[in-house]
Amino acid sequence: MNPGVHAEHILAGLDRHDGFLERAIAGTFADAVDRALDLPCPGAYRRQAVCDRHPQVVVAIKTRENVLGVHTGIHTTRLFPTSRLVSQITGMPIPRNKAIVGENAFAHEAGIHQHGMLKHHSTYEIMRPQDVGLSRTNLVLGKHSGRHAFRERVQQLGFDVGDAELNQLFEEFKALADKKKELFDGDIEALVMRSDNEAAGPWSLQSLSVATHDDQPARVTIRLAHIDGRVVTHDHTADGPVDAVVKAIDHATGIHVQVRTFEVHSVTVGEDAQGEALLTVEHNGRTYRGAGISTNILEAAARAYLEVINRIEAARASADRSVEGAAFS
């Protein structure tokens, strides 16, 4: 260190690790008072407790700036949308009970809590849900909602979509509203995320038919469309419906991968909630992740697997362009 530089003039970036989450948070707070913090994005979980409690630290600093004597330039209204985006990209769902950015972070079930909240929100909430980008009212739209209300809700959730994409999303929203009694913010987010993922690849799902019996193999008929105009239909039977869906897509697209993990969880609540399927596969030494959402979990699995296939196709196209570029250089 240069002896002419005083410690108070040094800005240090710290990455806090600890085997205990609470101790990592406390250590991060201690660091915050004297130095700058380098915090991971919410939703990007790593080994130990690398203070992936980023949202707690940021919000605590934001709400107690006058007490701590420090400040943060982080836009807290982007915490919830950002964590959802990271979760979508990594395929790692955010626990519902995770502080600040979890679905239940601002939910109050106990009677005494509800009574206190009705008197004044600050009784149990030192910050508002809107401060971290979470809507106060989770139940927002229904089958009779109009295009304007839908556009406003999409914008409130942090998405910027053009008129053409909005029109397509609105049609999908109306179709979903016919299947579900209640639509939540998570359903709207899922529609937008699915639209982005499907627009990124050459293959799209046109139809899916699944037949299962307890004493017979599952039978799947799938119809896929390619951006080059091809339409491929394939029938396949397998021990289970998910296995049949995966193998049908394999044969229809000509791409075969090894599935490593497969998970399904609900996007929102209720018996008619949409299901999100998450897949991790290996192909030619690389790992790919895919996610699909639908009220039909088999359709969700098909969309997740098709997203993986599209990513493999995109990687192939990119590699081909690199080879062609090298040949002409």
C-alpha atoms as a PDB file:
ATOM      1  CA  MET A   1       0.000   0.000   0.000  1.00  0.00           C
ATOM      2  CA  ASN A   2       1.221   3.484  -0.781  1.00  0.00           C
ATOM      3  CA  PRO A   3       2.170   5.079   2.574  1.00  0.00           C
ATOM      4  CA  GLY A   4       0.849   8.431   1.344  1.00  0.00           C
ATOM      5  CA  VAL A   5      -2.718   7.119   0.980  1.00  0.00           C
ATOM      6  CA  HIS A   6      -4.911   7.209   4.084  1.00  0.00           C
ATOM      7  CA  ALA A   7      -7.337   4.373   4.818  1.00  0.00           C
ATOM      8  CA  GLU A   8     -10.364   6.671   4.811  1.00  0.00           C
ATOM      9  CA  HIS A   9      -9.716   7.412   1.142  1.00  0.00           C
ATOM     10  CA  ILE A  10      -9.846   3.745   0.114  1.00  0.00           C
ATOM     11  CA  LEU A  11     -13.061   2.266  -1.296  1.00  0.00           C
ATOM     12  CA  ALA A  12     -13.065  -1.506  -0.736  1.00  0.00           C
ATOM     13  CA  GLY A  13     -15.376  -4.017  -2.398  1.00  0.00           C
ATOM     14  CA  LEU A  14     -16.310  -6.929  -0.122  1.00  0.00           C
ATOM     15  CA  ASP A  15     -17.840 -10.329  -0.885  1.00  0.00           C
ATOM     16  CA  ARG A  16     -19.088 -11.768   2.421  1.00  0.00           C
ATOM     17  CA  HIS A  17     -18.956 -15.544   3.038  1.00  0.00           C
ATOM     18  CA  ASP A  18     -20.028 -17.535   6.069  1.00  0.00           C
ATOM     19  CA  GLY A  19     -21.461 -20.950   6.846  1.00  0.00           C
ATOM     20  CA  PHE A  20     -24.300 -19.282   8.736  1.00  0.00           C
ATOM     21  CA  LEU A  21     -26.649 -16.958   6.881  1.00  0.00           C
ATOM     22  CA  GLU A  22     -27.384 -14.698   9.840  1.00  0.00           C
ATOM     23  CA  ARG A  23     -23.676 -14.242  10.546  1.00  0.00           C
ATOM     24  CA  ALA A  24     -23.068 -13.397   6.884  1.00  0.00           C
ATOM     25  CA  ILE A  25     -25.771 -10.734   7.058  1.00  0.00           C
ATOM     26  CA  ALA A  26     -24.382  -9.294  10.300  1.00  0.00           C
ATOM     27  CA  GLY A  27     -20.872  -9.237   8.849  1.00  0.00           C
ATOM     28  CA  THR A  28     -22.130  -7.549   5.719  1.00  0.00           C
ATOM     29  CA  PHE A  29     -23.802  -4.858   7.797  1.00  0.00           C
ATOM     30  CA  ALA A  30     -20.593  -4.242   9.690  1.00  0.00           C
ATOM     31  CA  ASP A  31     -18.754  -3.903   6.387  1.00  0.00           C
ATOM     32  CA  ALA A  32     -21.409  -1.572   5.005  1.00  0.00           C
ATOM     33  CA  VAL A  33     -20.881   1.038   7.661  1.00  0.00           C
ATOM     34  CA  ASP A  34     -17.210   1.503   6.711  1.00  0.00           C
ATOM     35  CA  ARG A  35     -16.801   0.272   3.160  1.00  0.00           C
ATOM     36  CA  ALA A  36     -18.540  -0.500  -0.137  1.00  0.00           C
ATOM     37  CA  LEU A  37     -20.261  -3.807  -0.753  1.00  0.00           C
ATOM     38  CA  ASP A  38     -20.091  -6.050  -3.799  1.00  0.00           C
ATOM     39  CA  LEU A  39     -23.299  -8.074  -3.498  1.00  0.00           C
ATOM     40  CA  PRO A  40     -24.538 -10.886  -5.748  1.00  0.00           C
ATOM     41  CA  CYS A  41     -27.794 -10.477  -7.623  1.00  0.00           C
ATOM     42  CA  PRO A  42     -30.847 -11.812  -5.743  1.00  0.00           C
ATOM     43  CA  GLY A  43     -31.669 -15.284  -7.005  1.00  0.00           C
ATOM     44  CA  ALA A  44     -28.054 -16.123  -7.898  1.00  0.00           C
ATOM     45  CA  TYR A  45     -27.358 -18.536  -5.046  1.00  0.00           C
ATOM     46  CA  ARG A  46     -23.826 -19.784  -4.543  1.00  0.00           C
ATOM     47  CA  ARG A  47     -21.818 -21.792  -2.045  1.00  0.00           C
ATOM     48  CA  GLN A  48     -22.105 -21.099   1.671  1.00  0.00           C
ATOM     49  CA  ALA A  49     -23.908 -17.898   2.686  1.00  0.00           C
ATOM     50  CA  VAL A  50     -22.318 -15.564   0.203  1.00  0.00           C
ATOM     51  CA  CYS A  51     -24.535 -12.976   1.468  1.00  0.00           C
ATOM     52  CA  ASP A  52     -27.229 -13.982  -0.973  1.00  0.00           C
ATOM     53  CA  ARG A  53     -29.256 -11.971   1.532  1.00  0.00           C
ATOM     54  CA  HIS A  54     -28.528  -9.049  -0.768  1.00  0.00           C
ATOM     55  CA  PRO A  55     -32.160  -7.808  -0.676  1.00  0.00           C
ATOM     56  CA  GLN A  56     -32.245  -7.692   3.144  1.00  0.00           C
ATOM     57  CA  VAL A  57     -29.032  -5.689   3.306  1.00  0.00           C
ATOM     58  CA  VAL A  58     -30.045  -3.269   0.566  1.00  0.00           C
ATOM     59  CA  VAL A  59     -33.530  -2.641   1.953  1.00  0.00           C
ATOM     60  CA  ALA A  60     -32.242  -2.253   5.508  1.00  0.00           C
ATOM     61  CA  ILE A  61     -29.735   0.375   4.343  1.00  0.00           C
ATOM     62  CA  LYS A  62     -32.429   2.096   2.289  1.00  0.00           C
ATOM     63  CA  THR A  63     -34.902   2.289   5.149  1.00  0.00           C
ATOM     64  CA  ARG A  64     -32.348   3.219   7.828  1.00  0.00           C
ATOM     65  CA  GLU A  65     -29.995   5.555   5.946  1.00  0.00           C
ATOM     66  CA  ASN A  66     -30.269   8.239   8.623  1.00  0.00           C
ATOM     67  CA  VAL A  67     -29.380   5.778  11.391  1.00  0.00           C
ATOM     68  CA  LEU A  68     -26.549   3.904   9.647  1.00  0.00           C
ATOM     69  CA  GLY A  69     -25.058   6.972   7.985  1.00  0.00           C
ATOM     70  CA  VAL A  70     -24.600   5.079   4.697  1.00  0.00           C
ATOM     71  CA  HIS A  71     -26.546   4.941   1.447  1.00  0.00           C
ATOM     72  CA  THR A  72     -26.994   2.720  -1.589  1.00  0.00           C
ATOM     73  CA  GLY A  73     -27.493   3.683  -5.214  1.00  0.00           C
ATOM     74  CA  ILE A  74     -29.377   0.453  -5.945  1.00  0.00           C
ATOM     75  CA  HIS A  75     -32.902   0.991  -7.291  1.00  0.00           C
ATOM     76  CA  THR A  76     -34.854  -1.123  -4.819  1.00  0.00           C
ATOM     77  CA  THR A  77     -37.956  -1.151  -7.027  1.00  0.00           C
ATOM     78  CA  ARG A  78     -36.015  -3.453  -9.378  1.00  0.00           C
ATOM     79  CA  LEU A  79     -35.191  -6.080  -6.718  1.00  0.00           C
ATOM     80  CA  PHE A  80     -38.256  -8.276  -7.244  1.00  0.00           C
ATOM     81  CA  PRO A  81     -38.307  -8.144 -11.083  1.00  0.00           C
ATOM     82  CA  THR A  82     -34.542  -8.729 -11.218  1.00  0.00           C
ATOM     83  CA  SER A  83     -34.686 -11.729  -8.906  1.00  0.00           C
ATOM     84  CA  ARG A  84     -37.479 -13.205 -11.023  1.00  0.00           C
ATOM     85  CA  LEU A  85     -35.426 -12.697 -14.189  1.00  0.00           C
ATOM     86  CA  VAL A  86     -32.344 -14.342 -12.643  1.00  0.00           C
ATOM     87  CA  SER A  87     -34.499 -17.233 -11.444  1.00  0.00           C
ATOM     88  CA  GLN A  88     -35.889 -17.679 -14.946  1.00  0.00           C
ATOM     89  CA  ILE A  89     -32.430 -17.626 -16.549  1.00  0.00           C
ATOM     90  CA  THR A  90     -30.779 -19.997 -14.063  1.00  0.00           C
ATOM     91  CA  GLY A  91     -33.760 -22.323 -13.649  1.00  0.00           C
ATOM     92  CA  MET A  92     -33.573 -21.960  -9.851  1.00  0.00           C
ATOM     93  CA  PRO A  93     -36.971 -21.066  -8.325  1.00  0.00           C
ATOM     94  CA  ILE A  94     -37.131 -18.452  -5.566  1.00  0.00           C
ATOM     95  CA  PRO A  95     -38.452 -19.922  -2.289  1.00  0.00           C
ATOM     96  CA  ARG A  96     -41.865 -18.478  -1.475  1.00  0.00           C
ATOM     97  CA  ASN A  97     -40.733 -17.651   2.061  1.00  0.00           C
ATOM     98  CA  LYS A  98     -37.542 -15.856   1.015  1.00  0.00           C
ATOM     99  CA  ALA A  99     -37.365 -12.437   2.625  1.00  0.00           C
ATOM    100  CA  ILE A 100     -38.064  -9.350   0.494  1.00  0.00           C
ATOM    101  CA  VAL A 101     -38.402 -11.067  -2.924  1.00  0.00           C
ATOM    102  CA  GLY A 102     -40.364 -14.234  -2.052  1.00  0.00           C
ATOM    103  CA  GLU A 103     -44.051 -14.502  -2.994  1.00  0.00           C
ATOM    104  CA  ASN A 104     -45.008 -14.652   0.700  1.00  0.00           C
ATOM    105  CA  ALA A 105     -42.686 -11.874   1.879  1.00  0.00           C
ATOM    106  CA  PHE A 106     -45.593  -9.472   2.377  1.00  0.00           C
ATOM    107  CA  ALA A 107     -48.321 -12.018   3.115  1.00  0.00           C
ATOM    108  CA  HIS A 108     -50.040 -11.874   6.521  1.00  0.00           C
ATOM    109  CA  GLU A 109     -52.130 -14.826   7.656  1.00  0.00           C
ATOM    110  CA  ALA A 110     -52.183 -14.543  11.452  1.00  0.00           C
ATOM    111  CA  GLY A 111     -55.184 -12.634  12.788  1.00  0.00           C
ATOM    112  CA  ILE A 112     -53.112 -10.330  14.971  1.00  0.00           C
ATOM    113  CA  HIS A 113     -50.912  -9.469  11.986  1.00  0.00           C
ATOM    114  CA  GLN A 114     -53.908  -8.741   9.774  1.00  0.00           C
ATOM    115  CA  HIS A 115     -55.453  -6.559  12.479  1.00  0.00           C
ATOM    116  CA  GLY A 116     -52.218  -4.598  12.837  1.00  0.00           C
ATOM    117  CA  MET A 117     -51.912  -4.180   9.072  1.00  0.00           C
ATOM    118  CA  LEU A 118     -55.446  -2.836   8.838  1.00  0.00           C
ATOM    119  CA  LYS A 119     -54.593  -0.229  11.473  1.00  0.00           C
ATOM    120  CA  HIS A 120     -51.353   0.820   9.762  1.00  0.00           C
ATOM    121  CA  HIS A 121     -48.990  -0.978   7.377  1.00  0.00           C
ATOM    122  CA  SER A 122     -45.880   0.043   9.334  1.00  0.00           C
ATOM    123  CA  THR A 123     -47.000  -2.200  12.223  1.00  0.00           C
ATOM    124  CA  TYR A 124     -45.434  -5.193  10.480  1.00  0.00           C
ATOM    125  CA  GLU A 125     -43.842  -3.703   7.354  1.00  0.00           C
ATOM    126  CA  ILE A 126     -40.986  -1.217   7.592  1.00  0.00           C
ATOM    127  CA  MET A 127     -41.111  -0.931   3.810  1.00  0.00           C
ATOM    128  CA  ARG A 128     -43.958  -1.212   1.306  1.00  0.00           C
ATOM    129  CA  PRO A 129     -44.147  -4.037  -1.261  1.00  0.00           C
ATOM    130  CA  GLN A 130     -44.029  -1.386  -3.984  1.00  0.00           C
ATOM    131  CA  ASP A 131     -40.616  -0.283  -2.674  1.00  0.00           C
ATOM    132  CA  VAL A 132     -39.084  -3.555  -3.897  1.00  0.00           C
ATOM    133  CA  GLY A 133     -41.140  -3.831  -7.088  1.00  0.00           C
ATOM    134  CA  LEU A 134     -43.860  -6.131  -5.757  1.00  0.00           C
ATOM    135  CA  SER A 135     -47.519  -5.331  -6.336  1.00  0.00           C
ATOM    136  CA  ARG A 136     -49.547  -4.825  -3.163  1.00  0.00           C
ATOM    137  CA  THR A 137     -52.540  -6.616  -4.675  1.00  0.00           C
ATOM    138  CA  ASN A 138     -51.613 -10.021  -6.011  1.00  0.00           C
ATOM    139  CA  LEU A 139     -54.981 -10.833  -7.602  1.00  0.00           C
ATOM    140  CA  VAL A 140     -55.274  -8.386 -10.444  1.00  0.00           C
ATOM    141  CA  LEU A 141     -57.094  -9.449 -13.601  1.00  0.00           C
ATOM    142  CA  GLY A 142     -59.804 -11.762 -14.889  1.00  0.00           C
ATOM    143  CA  LYS A 143     -61.486 -12.922 -18.086  1.00  0.00           C
ATOM    144  CA  HIS A 144     -63.464  -9.667 -18.384  1.00  0.00           C
ATOM    145  CA  SER A 145     -60.411  -7.401 -18.062  1.00  0.00           C
ATOM    146  CA  GLY A 146     -59.649  -5.179 -21.041  1.00  0.00           C
ATOM    147  CA  ARG A 147     -56.513  -4.577 -23.071  1.00  0.00           C
ATOM    148  CA  HIS A 148     -55.737  -1.274 -21.330  1.00  0.00           C
ATOM    149  CA  ALA A 149     -55.834  -2.823 -17.851  1.00  0.00           C
ATOM    150  CA  PHE A 150     -53.661  -5.698 -19.068  1.00  0.00           C
ATOM    151  CA  ARG A 151     -51.084  -3.319 -20.580  1.00  0.00           C
ATOM    152  CA  GLU A 152     -50.926  -1.300 -17.368  1.00  0.00           C
ATOM    153  CA  ARG A 153     -50.416  -4.425 -15.262  1.00  0.00           C
ATOM    154  CA  VAL A 154     -47.625  -5.677 -17.541  1.00  0.00           C
ATOM    155  CA  GLN A 155     -45.881  -2.315 -17.233  1.00  0.00           C
ATOM    156  CA  GLN A 156     -46.316  -2.269 -13.444  1.00  0.00           C
ATOM    157  CA  LEU A 157     -44.575  -5.635 -13.315  1.00  0.00           C
ATOM    158  CA  GLY A 158     -41.548  -4.069 -14.997  1.00  0.00           C
ATOM    159  CA  PHE A 159     -41.934  -5.336 -18.575  1.00  0.00           C
ATOM    160  CA  ASP A 160     -41.575  -3.135 -21.645  1.00  0.00           C
ATOM    161  CA  VAL A 161     -43.395  -4.709 -24.601  1.00  0.00           C
ATOM    162  CA  GLY A 162     -44.336  -3.340 -28.013  1.00  0.00           C
ATOM    163  CA  ASP A 163     -47.849  -3.180 -29.448  1.00  0.00           C
ATOM    164  CA  ALA A 164     -47.487  -6.331 -31.567  1.00  0.00           C
ATOM    165  CA  GLU A 165     -46.158  -8.386 -28.643  1.00  0.00           C
ATOM    166  CA  LEU A 166     -48.826  -6.937 -26.332  1.00  0.00           C
ATOM    167  CA  ASN A 167     -51.577  -8.011 -28.728  1.00  0.00           C
ATOM    168  CA  GLN A 168     -50.216 -11.560 -28.788  1.00  0.00           C
ATOM    169  CA  LEU A 169     -49.838 -11.615 -24.995  1.00  0.00           C
ATOM    170  CA  PHE A 170     -53.377 -10.329 -24.531  1.00  0.00           C
ATOM    171  CA  GLU A 171     -54.780 -13.145 -26.665  1.00  0.00           C
ATOM    172  CA  GLU A 172     -52.821 -15.674 -24.598  1.00  0.00           C
ATOM    173  CA  PHE A 173     -54.023 -13.963 -21.423  1.00  0.00           C
ATOM    174  CA  LYS A 174     -57.676 -14.288 -22.491  1.00  0.00           C
ATOM    175  CA  ALA A 175     -57.139 -17.968 -23.328  1.00  0.00           C
ATOM    176  CA  LEU A 176     -55.556 -18.510 -19.907  1.00  0.00           C
ATOM    177  CA  ALA A 177     -58.402 -16.640 -18.190  1.00  0.00           C
ATOM    178  CA  ASP A 178     -60.829 -19.169 -19.666  1.00  0.00           C
ATOM    179  CA  LYS A 179     -58.907 -21.955 -17.899  1.00  0.00           C
ATOM    180  CA  LYS A 180     -58.268 -20.288 -14.529  1.00  0.00           C
ATOM    181  CA  LYS A 181     -60.726 -18.738 -12.090  1.00  0.00           C
ATOM    182  CA  GLU A 182     -58.190 -16.283 -10.729  1.00  0.00           C
ATOM    183  CA  LEU A 183     -55.149 -14.679 -12.368  1.00  0.00           C
ATOM    184  CA  PHE A 184     -52.187 -13.558 -10.297  1.00  0.00           C
ATOM    185  CA  ASP A 185     -49.117 -11.451 -11.001  1.00  0.00           C
ATOM    186  CA  GLY A 186     -47.114 -14.649 -11.368  1.00  0.00           C
ATOM    187  CA  ASP A 187     -49.409 -15.742 -14.200  1.00  0.00           C
ATOM    188  CA  ILE A 188     -48.843 -12.474 -16.079  1.00  0.00           C
ATOM    189  CA  GLU A 189     -45.072 -12.731 -15.574  1.00  0.00           C
ATOM    190  CA  ALA A 190     -45.140 -16.317 -16.805  1.00  0.00           C
ATOM    191  CA  LEU A 191     -46.934 -15.271 -20.006  1.00  0.00           C
ATOM    192  CA  VAL A 192     -44.345 -12.600 -20.788  1.00  0.00           C
ATOM    193  CA  MET A 193     -41.390 -14.838 -19.932  1.00  0.00           C
ATOM    194  CA  ARG A 194     -42.773 -17.678 -22.045  1.00  0.00           C
ATOM    195  CA  SER A 195     -43.289 -15.329 -24.975  1.00  0.00           C
ATOM    196  CA  ASP A 196     -39.654 -14.181 -24.776  1.00  0.00           C
ATOM    197  CA  ASN A 197     -38.334 -17.746 -24.622  1.00  0.00           C
ATOM    198  CA  GLU A 198     -40.465 -19.048 -27.498  1.00  0.00           C
ATOM    199  CA  ALA A 199     -39.472 -16.136 -29.714  1.00  0.00           C
ATOM    200  CA  ALA A 200     -35.808 -17.080 -29.311  1.00  0.00           C
ATOM    201  CA  GLY A 201     -35.833 -20.374 -31.234  1.00  0.00           C
ATOM    202  CA  PRO A 202     -36.810 -21.989 -34.536  1.00  0.00           C
ATOM    203  CA  TRP A 203     -39.112 -24.697 -33.137  1.00  0.00           C
ATOM    204  CA  SER A 204     -42.578 -24.014 -31.732  1.00  0.00           C
ATOM    205  CA  LEU A 205     -45.240 -26.295 -30.273  1.00  0.00           C
ATOM    206  CA  GLN A 206     -48.447 -26.472 -32.307  1.00  0.00           C
ATOM    207  CA  SER A 207     -50.303 -29.312 -30.608  1.00  0.00           C
ATOM    208  CA  LEU A 208     -49.804 -32.054 -28.041  1.00  0.00           C
ATOM    209  CA  SER A 209     -51.954 -35.124 -27.368  1.00  0.00           C
ATOM    210  CA  VAL A 210     -51.205 -37.502 -24.483  1.00  0.00           C
ATOM    211  CA  ALA A 211     -52.979 -40.762 -23.630  1.00  0.00           C
ATOM    212  CA  THR A 212     -52.139 -42.697 -20.464  1.00  0.00           C
ATOM    213  CA  HIS A 213     -53.477 -45.877 -18.832  1.00  0.00           C
ATOM    214  CA  ASP A 214     -52.346 -47.511 -15.608  1.00  0.00           C
ATOM    215  CA  ASP A 215     -51.485 -50.807 -17.320  1.00  0.00           C
ATOM    216  CA  GLN A 216     -50.243 -49.543 -20.702  1.00  0.00           C
ATOM    217  CA  PRO A 217     -47.399 -47.360 -21.999  1.00  0.00           C
ATOM    218  CA  ALA A 218     -48.115 -43.659 -22.431  1.00  0.00           C
ATOM    219  CA  ARG A 219     -48.737 -42.518 -26.010  1.00  0.00           C
ATOM    220  CA  VAL A 220     -47.895 -39.017 -27.264  1.00  0.00           C
ATOM    221  CA  THR A 221     -48.638 -37.292 -30.548  1.00  0.00           C
ATOM    222  CA  ILE A 222     -46.794 -34.023 -30.979  1.00  0.00           C
ATOM    223  CA  ARG A 223     -46.891 -31.472 -33.779  1.00  0.00           C
ATOM    224  CA  LEU A 224     -44.026 -28.987 -34.152  1.00  0.00           C
ATOM    225  CA  ALA A 225     -43.462 -26.114 -36.563  1.00  0.00           C
ATOM    226  CA  HIS A 226     -40.034 -24.898 -37.676  1.00  0.00           C
ATOM    227  CA  ILE A 227     -39.232 -21.339 -38.694  1.00  0.00           C
ATOM    228  CA  ASP A 228     -38.210 -22.593 -42.155  1.00  0.00           C
ATOM    229  CA  GLY A 229     -41.800 -23.718 -42.837  1.00  0.00           C
ATOM    230  CA  ARG A 230     -41.524 -27.378 -41.905  1.00  0.00           C
ATOM    231  CA  VAL A 231     -44.305 -28.953 -39.838  1.00  0.00           C
ATOM    232  CA  VAL A 232     -43.388 -32.243 -38.170  1.00  0.00           C
ATOM    233  CA  THR A 233     -45.800 -34.665 -36.487  1.00  0.00           C
ATOM    234  CA  HIS A 234     -44.534 -37.627 -34.466  1.00  0.00           C
ATOM    235  CA  ASP A 235     -46.116 -40.386 -32.368  1.00  0.00           C
ATOM    236  CA  HIS A 236     -44.218 -42.081 -29.584  1.00  0.00           C
ATOM    237  CA  THR A 237     -44.888 -44.470 -26.712  1.00  0.00           C
ATOM    238  CA  ALA A 238     -42.867 -44.801 -23.498  1.00  0.00           C
ATOM    239  CA  ASP A 239     -43.190 -45.935 -19.901  1.00  0.00           C
ATOM    240  CA  GLY A 240     -44.462 -42.543 -18.682  1.00  0.00           C
ATOM    241  CA  PRO A 241     -46.022 -39.440 -20.273  1.00  0.00           C
ATOM    242  CA  VAL A 242     -43.052 -37.131 -19.651  1.00  0.00           C
ATOM    243  CA  ASP A 243     -40.640 -39.689 -21.083  1.00  0.00           C
ATOM    244  CA  ALA A 244     -42.911 -40.065 -24.120  1.00  0.00           C
ATOM    245  CA  VAL A 245     -43.062 -36.276 -24.630  1.00  0.00           C
ATOM    246  CA  VAL A 246     -39.271 -35.965 -24.466  1.00  0.00           C
ATOM    247  CA  LYS A 247     -38.621 -38.834 -26.866  1.00  0.00           C
ATOM    248  CA  ALA A 248     -41.269 -37.607 -29.307  1.00  0.00           C
ATOM    249  CA  ILE A 249     -39.533 -34.215 -29.483  1.00  0.00           C
ATOM    250  CA  ASP A 250     -36.158 -35.955 -29.869  1.00  0.00           C
ATOM    251  CA  HIS A 251     -37.356 -37.843 -32.947  1.00  0.00           C
ATOM    252  CA  ALA A 252     -39.276 -34.898 -34.405  1.00  0.00           C
ATOM    253  CA  THR A 253     -36.306 -32.509 -34.212  1.00  0.00           C
ATOM    254  CA  GLY A 254     -33.475 -35.009 -34.708  1.00  0.00           C
ATOM    255  CA  ILE A 255     -31.669 -33.742 -31.612  1.00  0.00           C
ATOM    256  CA  HIS A 256     -31.021 -36.218 -28.796  1.00  0.00           C
ATOM    257  CA  VAL A 257     -29.920 -35.095 -25.342  1.00  0.00           C
ATOM    258  CA  GLN A 258     -29.442 -36.592 -21.896  1.00  0.00           C
ATOM    259  CA  VAL A 259     -31.892 -35.291 -19.274  1.00  0.00           C
ATOM    260  CA  ARG A 260     -30.172 -34.755 -15.929  1.00  0.00           C
ATOM    261  CA  THR A 261     -32.874 -33.108 -13.819  1.00  0.00           C
ATOM    262  CA  PHE A 262     -36.603 -32.540 -14.157  1.00  0.00           C
ATOM    263  CA  GLU A 263     -38.690 -30.513 -11.700  1.00  0.00           C
ATOM    264  CA  VAL A 264     -42.240 -29.201 -11.578  1.00  0.00           C
ATOM    265  CA  HIS A 265     -43.628 -26.561  -9.235  1.00  0.00           C
ATOM    266  CA  SER A 266     -46.642 -24.251  -9.206  1.00  0.00           C
ATOM    267  CA  VAL A 267     -46.302 -20.659 -10.407  1.00  0.00           C
ATOM    268  CA  THR A 268     -49.116 -19.364  -8.203  1.00  0.00           C
ATOM    269  CA  VAL A 269     -51.583 -20.901  -5.752  1.00  0.00           C
ATOM    270  CA  GLY A 270     -54.747 -22.983  -6.099  1.00  0.00           C
ATOM    271  CA  GLU A 271     -55.707 -26.239  -7.771  1.00  0.00           C
ATOM    272  CA  ASP A 272     -55.861 -24.517 -11.174  1.00  0.00           C
ATOM    273  CA  ALA A 273     -52.434 -22.901 -10.838  1.00  0.00           C
ATOM    274  CA  GLN A 274     -50.037 -22.968 -13.757  1.00  0.00           C
ATOM    275  CA  GLY A 275     -47.202 -25.450 -13.447  1.00  0.00           C
ATOM    276  CA  GLU A 276     -43.601 -24.603 -14.320  1.00  0.00           C
ATOM    277  CA  ALA A 277     -41.397 -27.408 -15.591  1.00  0.00           C
ATOM    278  CA  LEU A 278     -37.620 -27.025 -15.263  1.00  0.00           C
ATOM    279  CA  LEU A 279     -35.160 -29.204 -17.172  1.00  0.00           C
ATOM    280  CA  THR A 280     -31.399 -29.574 -17.143  1.00  0.00           C
ATOM    281  CA  VAL A 281     -29.842 -31.580 -19.982  1.00  0.00           C
ATOM    282  CA  GLU A 282     -26.411 -32.362 -21.413  1.00  0.00           C
ATOM    283  CA  HIS A 283     -25.514 -32.283 -25.107  1.00  0.00           C
ATOM    284  CA  ASN A 284     -22.024 -32.577 -26.599  1.00  0.00           C
ATOM    285  CA  GLY A 285     -20.385 -31.786 -23.264  1.00  0.00           C
ATOM    286  CA  ARG A 286     -22.488 -28.677 -22.587  1.00  0.00           C
ATOM    287  CA  THR A 287     -25.278 -28.149 -20.071  1.00  0.00           C
ATOM    288  CA  TYR A 288     -28.546 -26.494 -21.101  1.00  0.00           C
ATOM    289  CA  ARG A 289     -31.527 -25.431 -19.008  1.00  0.00           C
ATOM    290  CA  GLY A 290     -35.099 -24.978 -20.113  1.00  0.00           C
ATOM    291  CA  ALA A 291     -38.350 -23.814 -18.509  1.00  0.00           C
ATOM    292  CA  GLY A 292     -41.947 -24.185 -19.644  1.00  0.00           C
ATOM    293  CA  ILE A 293     -45.206 -22.978 -18.120  1.00  0.00           C
ATOM    294  CA  SER A 294     -48.783 -24.140 -18.635  1.00  0.00           C
ATOM    295  CA  THR A 295     -51.898 -25.189 -16.736  1.00  0.00           C
ATOM    296  CA  ASN A 296     -51.093 -28.628 -18.211  1.00  0.00           C
ATOM    297  CA  ILE A 297     -47.826 -29.880 -16.696  1.00  0.00           C
ATOM    298  CA  LEU A 298     -47.162 -32.180 -19.671  1.00  0.00           C
ATOM    299  CA  GLU A 299     -47.433 -29.212 -22.008  1.00  0.00           C
ATOM    300  CA  ALA A 300     -45.134 -27.318 -19.620  1.00  0.00           C
ATOM    301  CA  ALA A 301     -42.623 -30.195 -19.870  1.00  0.00           C
ATOM    302  CA  ALA A 302     -42.854 -30.118 -23.681  1.00  0.00           C
ATOM    303  CA  ARG A 303     -42.258 -26.356 -23.766  1.00  0.00           C
ATOM    304  CA  ALA A 304     -39.300 -26.659 -21.379  1.00  0.00           C
ATOM    305  CA  TYR A 305     -37.714 -29.395 -23.488  1.00  0.00           C
ATOM    306  CA  LEU A 306     -38.379 -27.477 -26.679  1.00  0.00           C
ATOM    307  CA  GLU A 307     -36.631 -24.446 -25.193  1.00  0.00           C
ATOM    308  CA  VAL A 308     -33.572 -26.647 -24.637  1.00  0.00           C
ATOM    309  CA  ILE A 309     -33.732 -27.867 -28.254  1.00  0.00           C
ATOM    310  CA  ASN A 310     -33.966 -24.271 -29.487  1.00  0.00           C
ATOM    311  CA  ARG A 311     -30.923 -23.279 -27.460  1.00  0.00           C
ATOM    312  CA  ILE A 312     -28.952 -26.174 -28.925  1.00  0.00           C
ATOM    313  CA  GLU A 313     -30.045 -25.127 -32.433  1.00  0.00           C
ATOM    314  CA  ALA A 314     -28.960 -21.550 -31.687  1.00  0.00           C
ATOM    315  CA  ALA A 315     -25.568 -22.761 -30.434  1.00  0.00           C
ATOM    316  CA  ARG A 316     -25.103 -24.821 -33.614  1.00  0.00           C
ATOM    317  CA  ALA A 317     -25.996 -21.849 -35.828  1.00  0.00           C
ATOM    318  CA  SER A 318     -23.574 -19.621 -33.933  1.00  0.00           C
ATOM    319  CA  ALA A 319     -20.777 -22.190 -34.288  1.00  0.00           C
ATOM    320  CA  ASP A 320     -21.476 -22.540 -38.033  1.00  0.00           C
ATOM    321  CA  ARG A 321     -21.287 -18.764 -38.500  1.00  0.00           C
ATOM    322  CA  SER A 322     -17.972 -18.679 -36.634  1.00  0.00           C
ATOM    323  CA  VAL A 323     -16.542 -21.389 -38.905  1.00  0.00           C
ATOM    324  CA  GLU A 324     -17.728 -19.579 -42.027  1.00  0.00           C
ATOM    325  CA  GLY A 325     -16.267 -16.312 -40.776  1.00  0.00           C
ATOM    326  CA  ALA A 326     -12.920 -17.976 -40.094  1.00  0.00           C
ATOM    327  CA  ALA A 327     -12.909 -19.549 -43.564  1.00  0.00           C
ATOM    328  CA  PHE A 328     -13.285 -16.168 -45.268  1.00  0.00           C
ATOM    329  CA  SER A 329     -10.896 -14.254 -43.024  1.00  0.00           C
END
